[in-house]
Amino acid sequence: MKLPHLVTLCLSLAVAPMLFAAPAQDLTALQQKLTKTLGIEITSLTESPVAGLLQAVTSHGILYVSPDGSKLLQGTMYDMADGMNNLTEAAMAKPRLEKLKPFEDQMLVYKAKNEKHVVTVFTDITCGYCRKLHQQMKDYNDLGITVRYLAYPRSGVPSKVADEMESIWCAKDPLKAMDDAKSGKSVPSATCAADVPAQYRLGVSFGINGTPSLVLEDGTMLPGYVPPEQLNQALSRIN
């Protein structure tokens, strides 16, 4: 997970300690003050797996903060007593599924005829491994895996790639437009109510910094290309 302008944020924390004077029991007040100081959305603030440390689910992933708000940690927490289980990843699983729901009507869906699993893929049309995944769409579908696309232009928003991906989402036949784009063909420019910037921001909130990134049915995220059979095995272990 990358937190933009982390150095700037840390400096803000250092020069404005009085903003973090909220009592430990007043989580709502602390959440509001963290939001104001960090300049990012904080959707929840709860106890973390480490006693005395709070866990914040934010628009830029998971952060850890002291109860008085004076100390901030960014990183991955593992459970050494449980096979190095990634506790930070586990904490993001449920929020990811909740945040995905409002975007379901924006997804480009390649539906499996005999659907057994559903995977949401953040994709970029210029990404080589995204194209490799797309070229194997029939193999995923034949295994009963439905693939749902959301846009994650790696060059950010606004950008030329973001505009091109908007054209795909706004095409008369978005799936064909995606097929064309993934095969290197140009797609006619088009605009509509498709919200590619919001899809990109969603990916950022999930901690995505590369494509493809796959969100599985339990909210687990797999970064990078995963071959059809390997993905099927991972999904079968979930169920």
C-alpha atoms as a PDB file:
ATOM      1  CA  MET A   1       0.000   0.000   0.000  1.00  0.00           C
ATOM      2  CA  LYS A   2       1.278   3.446  -0.890  1.00  0.00           C
ATOM      3  CA  LEU A   3       0.039   6.503   0.941  1.00  0.00           C
ATOM      4  CA  PRO A   4       0.474   9.623  -1.222  1.00  0.00           C
ATOM      5  CA  HIS A   5       2.391  12.469   0.373  1.00  0.00           C
ATOM      6  CA  LEU A   6       3.190  10.390   3.476  1.00  0.00           C
ATOM      7  CA  VAL A   7       6.129  12.637   4.315  1.00  0.00           C
ATOM      8  CA  THR A   8       3.876  15.680   4.150  1.00  0.00           C
ATOM      9  CA  LEU A   9       1.346  13.969   6.365  1.00  0.00           C
ATOM     10  CA  CYS A  10       3.957  13.055   8.935  1.00  0.00           C
ATOM     11  CA  LEU A  11       5.176  16.665   8.971  1.00  0.00           C
ATOM     12  CA  SER A  12       1.602  17.780   9.514  1.00  0.00           C
ATOM     13  CA  LEU A  13       1.356  15.439  12.477  1.00  0.00           C
ATOM     14  CA  ALA A  14       4.593  16.790  13.885  1.00  0.00           C
ATOM     15  CA  VAL A  15       3.665  20.453  13.639  1.00  0.00           C
ATOM     16  CA  ALA A  16       0.072  20.113  14.777  1.00  0.00           C
ATOM     17  CA  PRO A  17       0.097  17.876  17.885  1.00  0.00           C
ATOM     18  CA  MET A  18      -2.762  19.779  19.468  1.00  0.00           C
ATOM     19  CA  LEU A  19      -5.116  18.415  16.814  1.00  0.00           C
ATOM     20  CA  PHE A  20      -4.697  14.961  18.372  1.00  0.00           C
ATOM     21  CA  ALA A  21      -5.850  15.727  21.897  1.00  0.00           C
ATOM     22  CA  ALA A  22      -9.040  13.643  21.622  1.00  0.00           C
ATOM     23  CA  PRO A  23      -9.612  11.290  24.563  1.00  0.00           C
ATOM     24  CA  ALA A  24      -9.060   7.604  23.733  1.00  0.00           C
ATOM     25  CA  GLN A  25     -12.689   6.707  24.428  1.00  0.00           C
ATOM     26  CA  ASP A  26     -14.026   9.331  22.041  1.00  0.00           C
ATOM     27  CA  LEU A  27     -13.364   7.503  18.769  1.00  0.00           C
ATOM     28  CA  THR A  28     -15.756   9.678  16.789  1.00  0.00           C
ATOM     29  CA  ALA A  29     -13.962  12.882  17.751  1.00  0.00           C
ATOM     30  CA  LEU A  30     -10.595  11.275  17.104  1.00  0.00           C
ATOM     31  CA  GLN A  31     -11.756  10.036  13.702  1.00  0.00           C
ATOM     32  CA  GLN A  32     -12.885  13.526  12.746  1.00  0.00           C
ATOM     33  CA  LYS A  33      -9.587  15.083  13.811  1.00  0.00           C
ATOM     34  CA  LEU A  34      -7.576  12.452  11.945  1.00  0.00           C
ATOM     35  CA  THR A  35      -9.646  13.102   8.829  1.00  0.00           C
ATOM     36  CA  LYS A  36      -9.066  16.843   9.119  1.00  0.00           C
ATOM     37  CA  THR A  37      -5.315  16.535   9.654  1.00  0.00           C
ATOM     38  CA  LEU A  38      -4.534  13.773   7.162  1.00  0.00           C
ATOM     39  CA  GLY A  39      -6.884  15.021   4.472  1.00  0.00           C
ATOM     40  CA  ILE A  40      -8.144  11.524   3.674  1.00  0.00           C
ATOM     41  CA  GLU A  41     -11.409   9.737   4.367  1.00  0.00           C
ATOM     42  CA  ILE A  42     -11.472   7.511   7.453  1.00  0.00           C
ATOM     43  CA  THR A  43     -14.394   5.106   7.282  1.00  0.00           C
ATOM     44  CA  SER A  44     -13.838   3.330  10.601  1.00  0.00           C
ATOM     45  CA  LEU A  45     -11.637   3.469  13.678  1.00  0.00           C
ATOM     46  CA  THR A  46     -11.511   0.359  15.865  1.00  0.00           C
ATOM     47  CA  GLU A  47      -9.208  -1.588  18.160  1.00  0.00           C
ATOM     48  CA  SER A  48      -6.376  -3.275  16.280  1.00  0.00           C
ATOM     49  CA  PRO A  49      -5.005  -6.777  17.017  1.00  0.00           C
ATOM     50  CA  VAL A  50      -2.308  -5.046  19.106  1.00  0.00           C
ATOM     51  CA  ALA A  51      -3.506  -3.848  22.497  1.00  0.00           C
ATOM     52  CA  GLY A  52      -3.395  -0.069  22.818  1.00  0.00           C
ATOM     53  CA  LEU A  53      -3.233   0.543  19.074  1.00  0.00           C
ATOM     54  CA  LEU A  54      -6.197   1.617  16.938  1.00  0.00           C
ATOM     55  CA  GLN A  55      -6.853   0.494  13.376  1.00  0.00           C
ATOM     56  CA  ALA A  56      -8.142   3.025  10.846  1.00  0.00           C
ATOM     57  CA  VAL A  57      -9.730   1.948   7.570  1.00  0.00           C
ATOM     58  CA  THR A  58      -9.095   4.868   5.226  1.00  0.00           C
ATOM     59  CA  SER A  59      -9.429   5.901   1.608  1.00  0.00           C
ATOM     60  CA  HIS A  60      -5.763   4.893   1.272  1.00  0.00           C
ATOM     61  CA  GLY A  61      -5.884   1.527   3.026  1.00  0.00           C
ATOM     62  CA  ILE A  62      -5.187   0.574   6.643  1.00  0.00           C
ATOM     63  CA  LEU A  63      -3.347   2.856   9.070  1.00  0.00           C
ATOM     64  CA  TYR A  64      -2.565   2.320  12.734  1.00  0.00           C
ATOM     65  CA  VAL A  65      -2.771   5.144  15.268  1.00  0.00           C
ATOM     66  CA  SER A  66      -2.212   5.581  18.992  1.00  0.00           C
ATOM     67  CA  PRO A  67      -5.361   6.255  21.084  1.00  0.00           C
ATOM     68  CA  ASP A  68      -4.363   9.872  21.656  1.00  0.00           C
ATOM     69  CA  GLY A  69      -3.706  10.368  17.948  1.00  0.00           C
ATOM     70  CA  SER A  70      -0.094  11.407  18.434  1.00  0.00           C
ATOM     71  CA  LYS A  71       1.531   8.436  16.653  1.00  0.00           C
ATOM     72  CA  LEU A  72       0.786   7.097  13.179  1.00  0.00           C
ATOM     73  CA  LEU A  73       1.972   3.828  11.615  1.00  0.00           C
ATOM     74  CA  GLN A  74       1.736   2.670   8.014  1.00  0.00           C
ATOM     75  CA  GLY A  75       2.621  -0.907   7.134  1.00  0.00           C
ATOM     76  CA  THR A  76       1.616  -4.555   7.224  1.00  0.00           C
ATOM     77  CA  MET A  77       0.853  -6.391  10.452  1.00  0.00           C
ATOM     78  CA  TYR A  78       1.436 -10.151  10.600  1.00  0.00           C
ATOM     79  CA  ASP A  79       0.406 -12.729  13.203  1.00  0.00           C
ATOM     80  CA  MET A  80       3.549 -14.723  13.968  1.00  0.00           C
ATOM     81  CA  ALA A  81       1.507 -17.150  16.096  1.00  0.00           C
ATOM     82  CA  ASP A  82      -0.755 -17.961  13.136  1.00  0.00           C
ATOM     83  CA  GLY A  83       1.551 -18.843  10.259  1.00  0.00           C
ATOM     84  CA  MET A  84       2.397 -15.198   9.501  1.00  0.00           C
ATOM     85  CA  ASN A  85      -1.229 -14.445   8.691  1.00  0.00           C
ATOM     86  CA  ASN A  86      -1.488 -10.989   7.115  1.00  0.00           C
ATOM     87  CA  LEU A  87      -3.745  -9.176   9.578  1.00  0.00           C
ATOM     88  CA  THR A  88      -3.737  -5.939   7.584  1.00  0.00           C
ATOM     89  CA  GLU A  89      -4.980  -7.719   4.467  1.00  0.00           C
ATOM     90  CA  ALA A  90      -7.625  -9.559   6.494  1.00  0.00           C
ATOM     91  CA  ALA A  91      -8.849  -6.264   7.947  1.00  0.00           C
ATOM     92  CA  MET A  92      -9.393  -4.868   4.438  1.00  0.00           C
ATOM     93  CA  ALA A  93     -11.426  -7.822   3.142  1.00  0.00           C
ATOM     94  CA  LYS A  94     -14.873  -6.873   4.462  1.00  0.00           C
ATOM     95  CA  PRO A  95     -14.523  -3.130   3.704  1.00  0.00           C
ATOM     96  CA  ARG A  96     -13.530  -3.992   0.118  1.00  0.00           C
ATOM     97  CA  LEU A  97     -16.694  -6.016  -0.424  1.00  0.00           C
ATOM     98  CA  GLU A  98     -18.820  -3.242   1.046  1.00  0.00           C
ATOM     99  CA  LYS A  99     -17.160  -0.599  -1.134  1.00  0.00           C
ATOM    100  CA  LEU A 100     -17.533  -2.737  -4.277  1.00  0.00           C
ATOM    101  CA  LYS A 101     -21.323  -2.988  -4.042  1.00  0.00           C
ATOM    102  CA  PRO A 102     -22.125   0.563  -5.231  1.00  0.00           C
ATOM    103  CA  PHE A 103     -19.938  -0.036  -8.297  1.00  0.00           C
ATOM    104  CA  GLU A 104     -21.600  -3.234  -9.480  1.00  0.00           C
ATOM    105  CA  ASP A 105     -23.687  -1.431 -12.088  1.00  0.00           C
ATOM    106  CA  GLN A 106     -20.495   0.117 -13.549  1.00  0.00           C
ATOM    107  CA  MET A 107     -18.632  -3.175 -13.985  1.00  0.00           C
ATOM    108  CA  LEU A 108     -17.987  -4.710 -17.390  1.00  0.00           C
ATOM    109  CA  VAL A 109     -18.972  -8.325 -16.810  1.00  0.00           C
ATOM    110  CA  TYR A 110     -17.705 -11.380 -18.690  1.00  0.00           C
ATOM    111  CA  LYS A 111     -20.150 -13.877 -17.261  1.00  0.00           C
ATOM    112  CA  ALA A 112     -19.436 -17.599 -17.037  1.00  0.00           C
ATOM    113  CA  LYS A 113     -22.212 -19.795 -18.421  1.00  0.00           C
ATOM    114  CA  ASN A 114     -22.038 -22.113 -15.411  1.00  0.00           C
ATOM    115  CA  GLU A 115     -21.013 -19.543 -12.843  1.00  0.00           C
ATOM    116  CA  LYS A 116     -19.269 -20.870  -9.738  1.00  0.00           C
ATOM    117  CA  HIS A 117     -17.164 -17.893  -8.739  1.00  0.00           C
ATOM    118  CA  VAL A 118     -17.079 -14.126  -9.306  1.00  0.00           C
ATOM    119  CA  VAL A 119     -13.834 -12.134  -9.404  1.00  0.00           C
ATOM    120  CA  THR A 120     -13.505  -8.377  -9.712  1.00  0.00           C
ATOM    121  CA  VAL A 121     -10.443  -7.248 -11.662  1.00  0.00           C
ATOM    122  CA  PHE A 122      -8.999  -3.732 -11.655  1.00  0.00           C
ATOM    123  CA  THR A 123      -7.542  -3.416 -15.128  1.00  0.00           C
ATOM    124  CA  ASP A 124      -5.565  -1.109 -17.410  1.00  0.00           C
ATOM    125  CA  ILE A 125      -5.756  -1.465 -21.180  1.00  0.00           C
ATOM    126  CA  THR A 126      -2.019  -0.728 -21.591  1.00  0.00           C
ATOM    127  CA  CYS A 127      -0.919  -3.389 -19.087  1.00  0.00           C
ATOM    128  CA  GLY A 128       0.726  -6.450 -20.645  1.00  0.00           C
ATOM    129  CA  TYR A 129      -0.420  -8.887 -17.984  1.00  0.00           C
ATOM    130  CA  CYS A 130      -3.930  -7.409 -18.106  1.00  0.00           C
ATOM    131  CA  ARG A 131      -3.976  -8.272 -21.802  1.00  0.00           C
ATOM    132  CA  LYS A 132      -2.712 -11.771 -21.064  1.00  0.00           C
ATOM    133  CA  LEU A 133      -5.517 -12.274 -18.560  1.00  0.00           C
ATOM    134  CA  HIS A 134      -8.057 -10.982 -21.062  1.00  0.00           C
ATOM    135  CA  GLN A 135      -6.781 -13.276 -23.795  1.00  0.00           C
ATOM    136  CA  GLN A 136      -7.616 -16.196 -21.502  1.00  0.00           C
ATOM    137  CA  MET A 137     -11.120 -14.978 -20.692  1.00  0.00           C
ATOM    138  CA  LYS A 138     -12.695 -18.079 -22.236  1.00  0.00           C
ATOM    139  CA  ASP A 139     -10.550 -20.284 -20.010  1.00  0.00           C
ATOM    140  CA  TYR A 140     -11.679 -18.431 -16.891  1.00  0.00           C
ATOM    141  CA  ASN A 141     -15.305 -18.577 -17.998  1.00  0.00           C
ATOM    142  CA  ASP A 142     -15.081 -22.281 -18.867  1.00  0.00           C
ATOM    143  CA  LEU A 143     -13.962 -22.927 -15.282  1.00  0.00           C
ATOM    144  CA  GLY A 144     -17.093 -21.152 -14.049  1.00  0.00           C
ATOM    145  CA  ILE A 145     -15.298 -17.910 -13.170  1.00  0.00           C
ATOM    146  CA  THR A 146     -17.154 -14.706 -13.986  1.00  0.00           C
ATOM    147  CA  VAL A 147     -14.792 -11.764 -14.454  1.00  0.00           C
ATOM    148  CA  ARG A 148     -15.966  -8.239 -13.624  1.00  0.00           C
ATOM    149  CA  TYR A 149     -13.814  -5.303 -14.730  1.00  0.00           C
ATOM    150  CA  LEU A 150     -13.280  -1.960 -13.061  1.00  0.00           C
ATOM    151  CA  ALA A 151     -10.945   0.668 -14.480  1.00  0.00           C
ATOM    152  CA  TYR A 152      -7.589   1.421 -12.908  1.00  0.00           C
ATOM    153  CA  PRO A 153      -5.544   3.564 -15.319  1.00  0.00           C
ATOM    154  CA  ARG A 154      -2.022   3.235 -13.924  1.00  0.00           C
ATOM    155  CA  SER A 155      -1.077   6.707 -15.135  1.00  0.00           C
ATOM    156  CA  GLY A 156      -3.792   8.127 -12.909  1.00  0.00           C
ATOM    157  CA  VAL A 157      -6.700  10.471 -13.492  1.00  0.00           C
ATOM    158  CA  PRO A 158      -6.778  12.616 -15.549  1.00  0.00           C
ATOM    159  CA  SER A 159      -4.665  10.912 -18.210  1.00  0.00           C
ATOM    160  CA  LYS A 160      -4.835   9.747 -21.805  1.00  0.00           C
ATOM    161  CA  VAL A 161      -5.361   6.143 -20.662  1.00  0.00           C
ATOM    162  CA  ALA A 162      -8.176   7.211 -18.333  1.00  0.00           C
ATOM    163  CA  ASP A 163      -9.888   8.948 -21.278  1.00  0.00           C
ATOM    164  CA  GLU A 164      -9.456   5.843 -23.427  1.00  0.00           C
ATOM    165  CA  MET A 165     -10.942   3.664 -20.715  1.00  0.00           C
ATOM    166  CA  GLU A 166     -13.887   6.032 -20.384  1.00  0.00           C
ATOM    167  CA  SER A 167     -14.472   5.565 -24.114  1.00  0.00           C
ATOM    168  CA  ILE A 168     -14.651   1.804 -23.555  1.00  0.00           C
ATOM    169  CA  TRP A 169     -17.168   2.132 -20.725  1.00  0.00           C
ATOM    170  CA  CYS A 170     -19.222   4.571 -22.843  1.00  0.00           C
ATOM    171  CA  ALA A 171     -19.168   2.529 -26.064  1.00  0.00           C
ATOM    172  CA  LYS A 172     -22.387   1.101 -27.493  1.00  0.00           C
ATOM    173  CA  ASP A 173     -20.923  -2.360 -26.884  1.00  0.00           C
ATOM    174  CA  PRO A 174     -18.484  -1.974 -23.967  1.00  0.00           C
ATOM    175  CA  LEU A 175     -17.414  -5.625 -23.984  1.00  0.00           C
ATOM    176  CA  LYS A 176     -16.473  -5.490 -27.653  1.00  0.00           C
ATOM    177  CA  ALA A 177     -14.706  -2.186 -27.068  1.00  0.00           C
ATOM    178  CA  MET A 178     -12.735  -3.807 -24.247  1.00  0.00           C
ATOM    179  CA  ASP A 179     -11.884  -6.769 -26.483  1.00  0.00           C
ATOM    180  CA  ASP A 180     -10.634  -4.370 -29.146  1.00  0.00           C
ATOM    181  CA  ALA A 181      -8.595  -2.287 -26.724  1.00  0.00           C
ATOM    182  CA  LYS A 182      -6.992  -5.347 -25.127  1.00  0.00           C
ATOM    183  CA  SER A 183      -5.949  -6.549 -28.597  1.00  0.00           C
ATOM    184  CA  GLY A 184      -4.305  -3.219 -29.398  1.00  0.00           C
ATOM    185  CA  LYS A 185      -7.080  -1.742 -31.517  1.00  0.00           C
ATOM    186  CA  SER A 186      -8.247   1.834 -31.119  1.00  0.00           C
ATOM    187  CA  VAL A 187     -11.639   2.614 -29.634  1.00  0.00           C
ATOM    188  CA  PRO A 188     -13.698   5.589 -30.848  1.00  0.00           C
ATOM    189  CA  SER A 189     -13.762   8.440 -28.355  1.00  0.00           C
ATOM    190  CA  ALA A 190     -16.944   8.621 -26.286  1.00  0.00           C
ATOM    191  CA  THR A 191     -18.154  10.210 -23.083  1.00  0.00           C
ATOM    192  CA  CYS A 192     -21.002   9.382 -20.747  1.00  0.00           C
ATOM    193  CA  ALA A 193     -21.858   9.093 -17.062  1.00  0.00           C
ATOM    194  CA  ALA A 194     -19.302   6.308 -16.543  1.00  0.00           C
ATOM    195  CA  ASP A 195     -17.199   7.334 -13.572  1.00  0.00           C
ATOM    196  CA  VAL A 196     -13.686   6.090 -14.307  1.00  0.00           C
ATOM    197  CA  PRO A 197     -12.161   8.518 -11.757  1.00  0.00           C
ATOM    198  CA  ALA A 198     -14.336   7.013  -9.000  1.00  0.00           C
ATOM    199  CA  GLN A 199     -13.297   3.502 -10.021  1.00  0.00           C
ATOM    200  CA  TYR A 200      -9.662   4.577  -9.879  1.00  0.00           C
ATOM    201  CA  ARG A 201     -10.110   6.129  -6.429  1.00  0.00           C
ATOM    202  CA  LEU A 202     -11.753   2.917  -5.256  1.00  0.00           C
ATOM    203  CA  GLY A 203      -8.667   1.007  -6.353  1.00  0.00           C
ATOM    204  CA  VAL A 204      -6.455   3.450  -4.483  1.00  0.00           C
ATOM    205  CA  SER A 205      -8.518   2.920  -1.328  1.00  0.00           C
ATOM    206  CA  PHE A 206      -7.906  -0.824  -1.703  1.00  0.00           C
ATOM    207  CA  GLY A 207      -4.168  -0.255  -1.718  1.00  0.00           C
ATOM    208  CA  ILE A 208      -3.760  -1.089  -5.410  1.00  0.00           C
ATOM    209  CA  ASN A 209      -0.569   0.144  -7.039  1.00  0.00           C
ATOM    210  CA  GLY A 210      -0.443  -2.120 -10.089  1.00  0.00           C
ATOM    211  CA  THR A 211      -2.604  -4.076 -12.492  1.00  0.00           C
ATOM    212  CA  PRO A 212      -4.201  -6.482 -12.790  1.00  0.00           C
ATOM    213  CA  SER A 213      -5.408  -6.669  -9.208  1.00  0.00           C
ATOM    214  CA  LEU A 214      -8.034  -9.266  -8.376  1.00  0.00           C
ATOM    215  CA  VAL A 215     -10.576  -9.047  -5.575  1.00  0.00           C
ATOM    216  CA  LEU A 216     -11.920 -12.476  -4.671  1.00  0.00           C
ATOM    217  CA  GLU A 217     -15.320 -13.380  -3.271  1.00  0.00           C
ATOM    218  CA  ASP A 218     -14.185 -13.056   0.358  1.00  0.00           C
ATOM    219  CA  GLY A 219     -12.593  -9.649  -0.204  1.00  0.00           C
ATOM    220  CA  THR A 220      -9.058 -11.028  -0.444  1.00  0.00           C
ATOM    221  CA  MET A 221      -6.945  -9.226  -3.038  1.00  0.00           C
ATOM    222  CA  LEU A 222      -4.436 -10.943  -5.297  1.00  0.00           C
ATOM    223  CA  PRO A 223      -1.988  -8.567  -7.012  1.00  0.00           C
ATOM    224  CA  GLY A 224      -0.859  -9.456 -10.512  1.00  0.00           C
ATOM    225  CA  TYR A 225      -1.823 -11.950 -13.172  1.00  0.00           C
ATOM    226  CA  VAL A 226      -3.126 -15.327 -11.930  1.00  0.00           C
ATOM    227  CA  PRO A 227      -3.519 -18.185 -14.482  1.00  0.00           C
ATOM    228  CA  PRO A 228      -7.029 -19.669 -14.814  1.00  0.00           C
ATOM    229  CA  GLU A 229      -6.354 -22.995 -13.076  1.00  0.00           C
ATOM    230  CA  GLN A 230      -4.429 -21.351 -10.246  1.00  0.00           C
ATOM    231  CA  LEU A 231      -7.196 -18.803  -9.710  1.00  0.00           C
ATOM    232  CA  ASN A 232      -9.799 -21.571  -9.715  1.00  0.00           C
ATOM    233  CA  GLN A 233      -7.862 -23.397  -7.007  1.00  0.00           C
ATOM    234  CA  ALA A 234      -7.636 -20.241  -4.887  1.00  0.00           C
ATOM    235  CA  LEU A 235     -11.367 -19.631  -5.225  1.00  0.00           C
ATOM    236  CA  SER A 236     -12.186 -23.248  -4.390  1.00  0.00           C
ATOM    237  CA  ARG A 237     -10.213 -22.958  -1.147  1.00  0.00           C
ATOM    238  CA  ILE A 238     -12.367 -19.987  -0.129  1.00  0.00           C
ATOM    239  CA  ASN A 239     -15.576 -21.965  -0.573  1.00  0.00           C
END
